[in-house]
Amino acid sequence: MILIDDGIAMGSTMRAAIGLCRNRQAGKIVVAVPVAGKEIAEQIRKQVDELVVLEIPVSFRAVAEAYERWYDVSDEEVLDLLRERIREKELKDQKFDGLET
């Protein structure tokens, strides 16, 4: 199982995901994030099979610090993006179905 997030600050969300994977008996758990604090990265590393962190800043307090343009994504924006992807897939499937006949 590969767990991906925009970064790890306190680690509570990632720990919950790791716990769920353990409860579901995942064979291997890999965590991949662009940024994390040193202490939390060391803690998470002990809980998983592999940890990939692109950047561990010397002074790290929040994930948003690592991004030039950070904003919270609204539920509506997420739903819009999902609907757009579903429409794109449906169109692609229709074109593919048309080629089969």
C-alpha atoms as a PDB file:
ATOM      1  CA  MET A   1       0.000   0.000   0.000  1.00  0.00           C
ATOM      2  CA  ILE A   2       1.347   3.413  -0.915  1.00  0.00           C
ATOM      3  CA  LEU A   3       0.121   6.301   1.223  1.00  0.00           C
ATOM      4  CA  ILE A   4       0.596   9.775  -0.228  1.00  0.00           C
ATOM      5  CA  ASP A   5      -0.104  13.166   1.329  1.00  0.00           C
ATOM      6  CA  ASP A   6       0.839  16.795   0.691  1.00  0.00           C
ATOM      7  CA  GLY A   7       3.142  16.658   3.701  1.00  0.00           C
ATOM      8  CA  ILE A   8       3.340  15.534   7.321  1.00  0.00           C
ATOM      9  CA  ALA A   9       3.205  18.094  10.098  1.00  0.00           C
ATOM     10  CA  MET A  10       1.857  16.454  13.265  1.00  0.00           C
ATOM     11  CA  GLY A  11       1.322  13.054  11.657  1.00  0.00           C
ATOM     12  CA  SER A  12      -2.090  12.196  13.083  1.00  0.00           C
ATOM     13  CA  THR A  13      -3.742  11.663   9.691  1.00  0.00           C
ATOM     14  CA  MET A  14      -0.868   9.551   8.402  1.00  0.00           C
ATOM     15  CA  ARG A  15      -0.747   7.488  11.598  1.00  0.00           C
ATOM     16  CA  ALA A  16      -4.462   6.772  11.234  1.00  0.00           C
ATOM     17  CA  ALA A  17      -3.946   5.674   7.619  1.00  0.00           C
ATOM     18  CA  ILE A  18      -1.020   3.464   8.629  1.00  0.00           C
ATOM     19  CA  GLY A  19      -3.128   1.916  11.385  1.00  0.00           C
ATOM     20  CA  LEU A  20      -5.921   1.185   8.921  1.00  0.00           C
ATOM     21  CA  CYS A  21      -3.453  -0.482   6.548  1.00  0.00           C
ATOM     22  CA  ARG A  22      -2.061  -2.601   9.391  1.00  0.00           C
ATOM     23  CA  ASN A  23      -5.583  -3.598  10.446  1.00  0.00           C
ATOM     24  CA  ARG A  24      -6.337  -4.608   6.858  1.00  0.00           C
ATOM     25  CA  GLN A  25      -3.082  -6.621   6.809  1.00  0.00           C
ATOM     26  CA  ALA A  26      -1.376  -4.699   4.016  1.00  0.00           C
ATOM     27  CA  GLY A  27       1.678  -6.590   2.822  1.00  0.00           C
ATOM     28  CA  LYS A  28       3.933  -3.561   2.610  1.00  0.00           C
ATOM     29  CA  ILE A  29       3.295   0.050   3.589  1.00  0.00           C
ATOM     30  CA  VAL A  30       5.141   2.885   1.859  1.00  0.00           C
ATOM     31  CA  VAL A  31       4.584   6.536   2.803  1.00  0.00           C
ATOM     32  CA  ALA A  32       5.547   9.181   0.228  1.00  0.00           C
ATOM     33  CA  VAL A  33       5.369  12.915   0.935  1.00  0.00           C
ATOM     34  CA  PRO A  34       7.090  16.013  -0.413  1.00  0.00           C
ATOM     35  CA  VAL A  35       7.826  17.471   3.033  1.00  0.00           C
ATOM     36  CA  ALA A  36       7.900  16.520   6.701  1.00  0.00           C
ATOM     37  CA  GLY A  37       9.512  17.585   9.935  1.00  0.00           C
ATOM     38  CA  LYS A  38      12.566  15.642  11.091  1.00  0.00           C
ATOM     39  CA  GLU A  39      11.060  14.248  14.287  1.00  0.00           C
ATOM     40  CA  ILE A  40       7.789  13.143  12.720  1.00  0.00           C
ATOM     41  CA  ALA A  41       9.647  11.614   9.755  1.00  0.00           C
ATOM     42  CA  GLU A  42      11.720   9.524  12.178  1.00  0.00           C
ATOM     43  CA  GLN A  43       8.560   8.404  14.013  1.00  0.00           C
ATOM     44  CA  ILE A  44       6.710   7.495  10.816  1.00  0.00           C
ATOM     45  CA  ARG A  45       9.774   5.668   9.434  1.00  0.00           C
ATOM     46  CA  LYS A  46       9.554   3.246  12.385  1.00  0.00           C
ATOM     47  CA  GLN A  47       5.909   2.451  11.574  1.00  0.00           C
ATOM     48  CA  VAL A  48       6.234   1.649   7.861  1.00  0.00           C
ATOM     49  CA  ASP A  49       8.302  -0.450   5.512  1.00  0.00           C
ATOM     50  CA  GLU A  50       9.532   2.537   3.524  1.00  0.00           C
ATOM     51  CA  LEU A  51       9.338   6.321   3.858  1.00  0.00           C
ATOM     52  CA  VAL A  52      10.052   8.741   1.013  1.00  0.00           C
ATOM     53  CA  VAL A  53      10.350  12.419   1.984  1.00  0.00           C
ATOM     54  CA  LEU A  54      11.679  14.843  -0.611  1.00  0.00           C
ATOM     55  CA  GLU A  55      12.473  17.649   1.827  1.00  0.00           C
ATOM     56  CA  ILE A  56      13.030  17.818   5.581  1.00  0.00           C
ATOM     57  CA  PRO A  57      13.440  21.529   6.406  1.00  0.00           C
ATOM     58  CA  VAL A  58      15.563  22.525   9.392  1.00  0.00           C
ATOM     59  CA  SER A  59      12.739  24.622  10.818  1.00  0.00           C
ATOM     60  CA  PHE A  60       9.367  23.083  10.032  1.00  0.00           C
ATOM     61  CA  ARG A  61       6.013  23.882  11.629  1.00  0.00           C
ATOM     62  CA  ALA A  62       3.353  23.495   8.943  1.00  0.00           C
ATOM     63  CA  VAL A  63       2.958  21.821   5.555  1.00  0.00           C
ATOM     64  CA  ALA A  64       1.817  25.116   3.998  1.00  0.00           C
ATOM     65  CA  GLU A  65       5.286  26.586   4.618  1.00  0.00           C
ATOM     66  CA  ALA A  66       6.697  24.332   1.892  1.00  0.00           C
ATOM     67  CA  TYR A  67       4.385  25.600  -0.844  1.00  0.00           C
ATOM     68  CA  GLU A  68       4.506  28.867  -2.773  1.00  0.00           C
ATOM     69  CA  ARG A  69       0.739  28.910  -3.278  1.00  0.00           C
ATOM     70  CA  TRP A  70      -1.145  27.072  -0.566  1.00  0.00           C
ATOM     71  CA  TYR A  71      -4.896  27.077  -0.132  1.00  0.00           C
ATOM     72  CA  ASP A  72      -7.502  24.760   1.268  1.00  0.00           C
ATOM     73  CA  VAL A  73      -9.418  22.958  -1.442  1.00  0.00           C
ATOM     74  CA  SER A  74     -13.149  23.197  -0.893  1.00  0.00           C
ATOM     75  CA  ASP A  75     -15.414  20.155  -1.044  1.00  0.00           C
ATOM     76  CA  GLU A  76     -17.131  21.690  -4.067  1.00  0.00           C
ATOM     77  CA  GLU A  77     -13.804  22.065  -5.926  1.00  0.00           C
ATOM     78  CA  VAL A  78     -12.965  18.422  -5.246  1.00  0.00           C
ATOM     79  CA  LEU A  79     -16.397  17.324  -6.469  1.00  0.00           C
ATOM     80  CA  ASP A  80     -16.036  19.466  -9.613  1.00  0.00           C
ATOM     81  CA  LEU A  81     -12.659  17.884 -10.380  1.00  0.00           C
ATOM     82  CA  LEU A  82     -14.041  14.392  -9.847  1.00  0.00           C
ATOM     83  CA  ARG A  83     -17.046  15.107 -12.074  1.00  0.00           C
ATOM     84  CA  GLU A  84     -14.726  16.451 -14.785  1.00  0.00           C
ATOM     85  CA  ARG A  85     -12.586  13.295 -14.672  1.00  0.00           C
ATOM     86  CA  ILE A  86     -15.669  11.075 -14.801  1.00  0.00           C
ATOM     87  CA  ARG A  87     -16.946  12.957 -17.869  1.00  0.00           C
ATOM     88  CA  GLU A  88     -13.542  12.640 -19.559  1.00  0.00           C
ATOM     89  CA  LYS A  89     -13.458   8.896 -18.857  1.00  0.00           C
ATOM     90  CA  GLU A  90     -17.012   8.439 -20.144  1.00  0.00           C
ATOM     91  CA  LEU A  91     -16.140  10.272 -23.363  1.00  0.00           C
ATOM     92  CA  LYS A  92     -13.003   8.180 -23.793  1.00  0.00           C
ATOM     93  CA  ASP A  93     -14.990   4.986 -23.180  1.00  0.00           C
ATOM     94  CA  GLN A  94     -17.604   6.054 -25.736  1.00  0.00           C
ATOM     95  CA  LYS A  95     -14.924   6.681 -28.361  1.00  0.00           C
ATOM     96  CA  PHE A  96     -13.322   3.315 -27.587  1.00  0.00           C
ATOM     97  CA  ASP A  97     -16.693   1.533 -27.758  1.00  0.00           C
ATOM     98  CA  GLY A  98     -17.285   3.125 -31.161  1.00  0.00           C
ATOM     99  CA  LEU A  99     -14.041   1.622 -32.480  1.00  0.00           C
ATOM    100  CA  GLU A 100     -14.958  -1.906 -31.421  1.00  0.00           C
ATOM    101  CA  THR A 101     -18.124  -2.241 -33.516  1.00  0.00           C
END
